[in-house]
Amino acid sequence: ILVTPLDVIKTRLQAQSNPFSKGKCFVYSNGLMDHICVCENGNSKAWYKKPGQFKGTLDAFVKIIQIEGIKSLWSGLPPTLIMALPATVIYFTCYDQLSEALRSRLGKDEEHIPVLAGSLSRFGSVTVVSPLELIRTRMQYRKLSYKQLYTCVSSKVATDGWFSLWRGWSSTVLRDVPFSAMYWYNYERFKKMMCKEAGTHDPTFLIAFSSGAASGSIAAVITLPFDVVKTHRQTGLWESETLKIPQRDCTSTWAVMRKIVTKNGITGLFAGMIPRLFKVAPACAIMISTYEYGKSFFSHLNEKRNQRP
């Protein structure tokens, strides 16, 4: 709930297109903003520019509130909350179980355990919740009622089959699996280092919070290009319907990446970095600190119950 507005702004910044270069005159509307292409014999300046092209995080924040209302900052919140439950249950349960299994085989001090456990657990959770993430991204990118969303999903499933709901799965895996590998590796290292400095065996709420924020920030920056690709692939799912002309889909993650670099330069792969950092750092910190506190709380509670005669 707290970080959803930053997620919405990140999606809008990643999905928006740069103004067209010289070419034929026509209006392009993607449901979020309009662009006017410059005429071939024009003076190379767009003769009309509708508000909606965002210059940055703060500009996007202000314009979304002014044009669409403050509620738009929480677009896609219901599927986000619905997605959070199975994703978190699968992710953290698998991580803990895999970590214990690997420690019993490889030893407690093996440094690669967080990398392996984090990668495998994220792979499973991403596969399960991928259709919900696609729906959430679609709702954030373009204002749709649930009836319109159902119509879009139904028509796409009827045309392309159920596998169309996993559009963007490969780029999501390429983003989330390395993210989890780096996140858990750095988190365990930061946690161990801070616990040693504080002279405690179990991490405190502050140690878990700080370690989660730091490791989440590092992983978020490194995996951002795949997050941009995921957004482009998922928001392009129904763009052909908006444009009313057949569109050639970029089925390859690398093809989409090349297209982004060609159109927007290398910086296009890092669109939405600031809102992603502002979202991921507190989100990781809140998630892992409450998880660690919850584990510690119930562990002590079970010990007390077992000590009773």
Foldseek 3Di string as FASTA:
>chain_A
DVLLLLVLLLLQQLADADAAWEDPFDWADQQQAIHTHHYNPDPRDGPDGDPRNAPASVSSQVVCCVPPNPCLSCFLVVLVVVLCVQLVVQQVVQLVVQLVVVCVVPNNPDLQSQLVSQLVSNLVSLVVCQLSVLLSLQRSNHPDDPVRSVVVVVVLCVVPNPCLSNFLSVLVSLLRNQLRSQLRSQLVVQLVVVCVVVVHDAGALVSLLVSQLVSQLVSCQVSQLSVSLSSNRSSVSCSCVSRVHDDDHDRDSVVSSVVQCVRPNPCSSCGSSVSSSVNRNNVRSVVRSVVSVVVVVVVVVVVVVVPDD
